[in-house]
Amino acid sequence: MNRDFENKFVQITYCIEAAHQRALQKANKELIKLYWDIGKCITEEYDQEDFEEIQLQDLSDFICNRYEGLNGFDLENLSMMKLMYETYKEHEFVYPLVFQVNWINNMLILQRSKTMREREFYLRLSIRENYSKKELEVQFNNQTYRRHRELTKKKSNNQGYYKDNSFFDEYTMEFLKMS
């Protein structure tokens, strides 16, 4: 095959891959929006004292019977949809991030983060690094948020002395145990 044609063909495959990636992102956003709306509906419409786990299981059964073969509406997921809505509904700067992260990572962040700042940190990190579930679990296991907070706190304490010296970046300071 002619080399020029091969290069042009490769360019076309890049276009295909980019369009595929955009389609996946849009589908994910719509899925998370659906889960958000379901969580909102459960919280606002049905969340009374008499609406307990039994009714949530009934809702799961109803959805699964109505849309046979459609996954994602079991008791655990419905509970997580409700938790997601209740957790982020009043945090206007954080909840838009939720729509940019896949459902598995959203659940992991909800389950493993203790504060809103920690959730925001892991949401932003997941978006920036495009983490898989395993990669995000590694970040939690390595306590990346705690280490980030400590580093930020130390940098702000040392800023007066080091701020004008570009030689002392965070890696050098960490190596020297000065940060």
Foldseek 3Di string as FASTA:
>chain_A
DDPVVVVVVVVVVVVVVVVVVVVVLVVQLVVLVVLLVLLCCCVPPPPDPPCDLVVLQVVLVVVCVVVPPDDQRHSVNSVVSVLLNVVCVPPVVQNVLSSRAGPLQSSVLSVQDDDPVSSSVLSVVCNVVVDDNVVSVVCSVVVVVVVVVVLVVLCVVCCVPPVVPPVDDSVNCVVVVND
